[in-house]
Protein backbone atom coordinates (compact mmCIF):
# COMPACT_ATOMS: atom_id res chain seq x y z
CA UNK A 1 -94.82 9.26 -125.02
CA UNK A 2 -94.56 10.74 -121.52
CA UNK A 3 -96.35 14.10 -121.31
CA UNK A 4 -95.54 16.98 -119.02
CA UNK A 5 -98.96 16.59 -117.39
CA UNK A 6 -98.22 13.01 -116.38
CA UNK A 7 -94.84 14.05 -114.98
CA UNK A 8 -96.53 16.89 -113.07
CA UNK A 9 -99.17 14.57 -111.63
CA UNK A 10 -96.49 12.06 -110.51
CA UNK A 11 -94.52 14.91 -108.94
CA UNK A 12 -97.58 16.09 -107.03
CA UNK A 13 -98.44 12.60 -105.81
CA UNK A 14 -94.84 11.63 -104.88
CA UNK A 15 -93.14 14.86 -103.93
CA UNK A 16 -90.12 13.76 -105.98
CA UNK A 17 -88.21 16.04 -108.36
CA UNK A 18 -89.25 16.52 -111.98
CA UNK A 19 -86.27 14.61 -113.43
CA UNK A 20 -86.76 11.75 -110.94
CA UNK A 21 -90.40 11.56 -111.96
CA UNK A 22 -89.56 11.57 -115.62
CA UNK A 23 -86.96 8.75 -115.20
CA UNK A 24 -89.43 6.72 -113.11
CA UNK A 25 -92.11 7.09 -115.79
CA UNK A 26 -89.64 6.04 -118.47
CA UNK A 27 -88.68 3.00 -116.42
CA UNK A 28 -92.37 2.15 -115.93
CA UNK A 29 -93.24 2.65 -119.59
CA UNK A 30 -95.52 5.59 -118.77
CA UNK A 31 -97.60 3.69 -116.13
CA UNK A 32 -98.26 6.17 -113.31
CA UNK A 33 -98.86 3.56 -110.58
CA UNK A 34 -95.75 1.56 -111.50
CA UNK A 35 -93.74 4.82 -111.58
CA UNK A 36 -94.92 5.53 -108.01
CA UNK A 37 -93.64 2.08 -107.01
CA UNK A 38 -90.33 2.77 -108.72
CA UNK A 39 -89.92 6.04 -106.85
CA UNK A 40 -90.81 4.40 -103.51
CA UNK A 41 -88.29 1.59 -104.11
CA UNK A 42 -85.52 3.95 -105.04
CA UNK A 43 -86.42 6.25 -102.17
CA UNK A 44 -86.20 3.49 -99.63
CA UNK A 45 -82.75 2.52 -100.92
CA UNK A 46 -81.72 6.18 -100.76
CA UNK A 47 -82.83 6.47 -97.12
CA UNK A 48 -80.15 3.96 -96.09
CA UNK A 49 -77.50 5.96 -97.97
CA UNK A 50 -78.62 9.24 -96.39
CA UNK A 51 -78.75 7.93 -92.80
CA UNK A 52 -75.20 9.09 -92.09
CA UNK A 53 -75.70 12.63 -93.38
CA UNK A 54 -76.00 15.47 -90.89
CA UNK A 55 -79.55 16.42 -90.02
CA UNK A 56 -79.02 19.81 -88.44
CA UNK A 57 -82.16 21.64 -89.63
CA UNK A 58 -85.77 20.83 -88.70
CA UNK A 59 -88.31 22.03 -86.24
CA UNK A 60 -89.76 21.69 -82.81
CA UNK A 61 -93.43 20.77 -82.94
CA UNK A 62 -95.89 21.14 -80.08
CA UNK A 63 -99.13 19.33 -79.40
CA UNK A 64 -101.57 19.94 -76.59
CA UNK A 65 -104.25 17.32 -76.16
CA UNK A 66 -107.87 18.46 -75.80
CA UNK A 67 -108.51 19.92 -72.40
CA UNK A 68 -104.88 20.83 -71.87
CA UNK A 69 -104.16 17.72 -69.74
CA UNK A 70 -101.23 16.47 -71.90
CA UNK A 71 -98.66 18.44 -73.87
CA UNK A 72 -95.75 17.38 -76.02
CA UNK A 73 -92.70 19.05 -77.56
CA UNK A 74 -90.76 17.04 -80.15
CA UNK A 75 -87.66 17.87 -82.19
CA UNK A 76 -87.52 16.37 -85.67
CA UNK A 77 -84.50 17.12 -87.83
CA UNK A 78 -83.70 17.02 -91.56
CA UNK A 79 -80.80 18.20 -93.71
CA UNK A 80 -82.16 21.49 -95.11
CA UNK A 81 -84.31 24.36 -93.99
CA UNK A 82 -86.26 24.02 -97.30
CA UNK A 83 -87.46 20.52 -96.37
CA UNK A 84 -88.21 21.59 -92.78
CA UNK A 85 -90.72 24.06 -94.19
CA UNK A 86 -92.63 21.54 -96.33
CA UNK A 87 -96.11 20.42 -95.38
CA UNK A 88 -95.00 16.77 -95.53
CA UNK A 89 -92.26 17.32 -92.93
CA UNK A 90 -94.46 19.48 -90.66
CA UNK A 91 -97.22 16.90 -90.86
CA UNK A 92 -94.81 14.13 -89.83
CA UNK A 93 -93.65 16.18 -86.81
CA UNK A 94 -97.26 16.84 -85.82
CA UNK A 95 -98.20 13.18 -86.07
CA UNK A 96 -95.16 12.17 -84.05
CA UNK A 97 -96.09 14.66 -81.34
CA UNK A 98 -99.59 13.13 -81.25
CA UNK A 99 -98.04 9.65 -81.07
CA UNK A 100 -96.01 10.67 -78.02
CA UNK A 101 -99.09 12.21 -76.37
CA UNK A 102 -101.13 9.05 -76.98
CA UNK A 103 -98.56 6.39 -76.08
CA UNK A 104 -96.16 7.95 -73.56
CA UNK A 105 -92.94 6.31 -74.81
CA UNK A 106 -89.84 6.14 -72.64
CA UNK A 107 -87.31 7.07 -75.32
CA UNK A 108 -86.91 7.74 -79.04
CA UNK A 109 -84.82 4.56 -79.64
CA UNK A 110 -83.44 1.60 -77.67
CA UNK A 111 -80.21 3.43 -76.91
CA UNK A 112 -82.22 6.15 -75.16
CA UNK A 113 -83.80 3.74 -72.66
CA UNK A 114 -81.85 4.05 -69.39
CA UNK A 115 -79.85 0.90 -68.54
CA UNK A 116 -81.46 0.80 -65.07
CA UNK A 117 -84.91 0.58 -66.64
CA UNK A 118 -83.81 -2.24 -68.99
CA UNK A 119 -82.30 -4.21 -66.12
CA UNK A 120 -85.34 -3.65 -63.90
CA UNK A 121 -87.67 -4.91 -66.65
CA UNK A 122 -85.40 -7.90 -67.44
CA UNK A 123 -85.32 -8.78 -63.73
CA UNK A 124 -89.12 -8.62 -63.43
CA UNK A 125 -89.61 -10.83 -66.49
CA UNK A 126 -87.00 -13.36 -65.26
CA UNK A 127 -88.63 -13.51 -61.79
CA UNK A 128 -92.04 -14.07 -63.38
CA UNK A 129 -90.69 -16.95 -65.48
CA UNK A 130 -88.86 -18.54 -62.50
CA UNK A 131 -92.10 -18.55 -60.46
CA UNK A 132 -93.63 -20.83 -63.07
CA UNK A 133 -90.80 -23.34 -62.46
CA UNK A 134 -89.03 -22.93 -65.79
CA UNK A 135 -85.31 -23.93 -66.09
CA UNK A 136 -82.77 -21.06 -66.12
CA UNK A 137 -82.04 -21.45 -69.87
CA UNK A 138 -85.73 -21.01 -70.66
CA UNK A 139 -86.08 -18.17 -68.10
CA UNK A 140 -83.52 -16.10 -70.02
CA UNK A 141 -85.25 -16.70 -73.35
CA UNK A 142 -88.61 -15.73 -71.88
CA UNK A 143 -87.09 -12.60 -70.31
CA UNK A 144 -85.44 -11.66 -73.63
CA UNK A 145 -88.74 -12.13 -75.50
CA UNK A 146 -90.68 -10.02 -73.04
CA UNK A 147 -87.99 -7.36 -73.21
CA UNK A 148 -88.50 -7.19 -76.99
CA UNK A 149 -92.20 -6.63 -76.38
CA UNK A 150 -91.35 -3.92 -73.88
CA UNK A 151 -89.21 -2.14 -76.50
CA UNK A 152 -92.07 -2.39 -78.96
CA UNK A 153 -94.32 -0.55 -76.52
CA UNK A 154 -91.87 1.84 -74.79
CA UNK A 155 -89.60 2.97 -77.66
CA UNK A 156 -91.16 5.59 -79.97
CA UNK A 157 -89.60 4.38 -83.25
CA UNK A 158 -90.59 0.76 -82.56
CA UNK A 159 -94.19 1.44 -81.58
CA UNK A 160 -97.07 0.65 -83.91
CA UNK A 161 -98.04 3.93 -85.59
CA UNK A 162 -101.35 5.21 -84.07
CA UNK A 163 -102.84 6.04 -87.49
CA UNK A 164 -101.92 2.71 -89.07
CA UNK A 165 -101.04 -0.02 -86.50
CA UNK A 166 -99.79 -2.33 -89.23
CA UNK A 167 -96.72 -0.08 -89.55
CA UNK A 168 -94.03 0.97 -87.05
CA UNK A 169 -93.21 4.63 -86.40
CA UNK A 170 -89.70 4.11 -87.87
CA UNK A 171 -91.30 2.94 -91.14
CA UNK A 172 -93.43 6.08 -91.32
CA UNK A 173 -90.32 8.24 -90.72
CA UNK A 174 -88.41 6.26 -93.38
CA UNK A 175 -91.19 6.75 -95.89
CA UNK A 176 -91.23 10.50 -95.36
CA UNK A 177 -87.41 10.60 -95.61
CA UNK A 178 -87.61 8.66 -98.89
CA UNK A 179 -90.28 11.00 -100.28
CA UNK A 180 -88.38 14.16 -99.25
CA UNK A 181 -84.97 12.81 -100.32
CA UNK A 182 -83.26 13.72 -97.05
CA UNK A 183 -82.20 12.13 -93.81
CA UNK A 184 -84.96 12.61 -91.21
CA UNK A 185 -84.15 12.04 -87.54
CA UNK A 186 -86.39 12.17 -84.49
CA UNK A 187 -84.00 13.80 -82.05
CA UNK A 188 -85.88 14.04 -78.73
CA UNK A 189 -89.21 14.73 -77.09
CA UNK A 190 -90.70 15.71 -73.76
CA UNK A 191 -94.22 14.86 -72.63
CA UNK A 192 -96.03 16.77 -69.89
CA UNK A 193 -99.14 15.49 -68.13
CA UNK A 194 -101.19 17.14 -65.42
CA UNK A 195 -100.49 15.34 -62.14
CA UNK A 196 -97.96 13.08 -63.83
């Protein structure tokens, strides 16, 4: 028998709706931990479905690093004003602003990296490989590999998350989207630094 208290606890821990929690508990035979896994699995599948939905609500979060030497403004969007006001969503926006302050990314995603920057980086990596005497076919593979590493450092969504370096920022955003049940999009950011 699934009690209202167990459903309430699952709802508090997961942020999912009451009926979703009840169905997850039924599927998990009343086991709270398994029900959490069920909700996470279904939420991750739902994120992919929601990706195309308009995210026209949200907020602009600010973060000023201690001493006022670095400041960040970041726009994070979701589908409804209700979700934009939740602590979970606000916390995500705050953590993303801190990520930008700490890591100074070039763009939100790969498409946002200017083509001139990509070509400059590719050229540098190819020149470095050629100087070691590698054949042209190998030079291109080396340059492509180093460019992937560049994206992992310079693109916000591909960076390791500063609070858990085993995960990428895009995974953290996807987890919050799954928990909230809405499409969550990091739209843009700007980072200011004294003398920079």
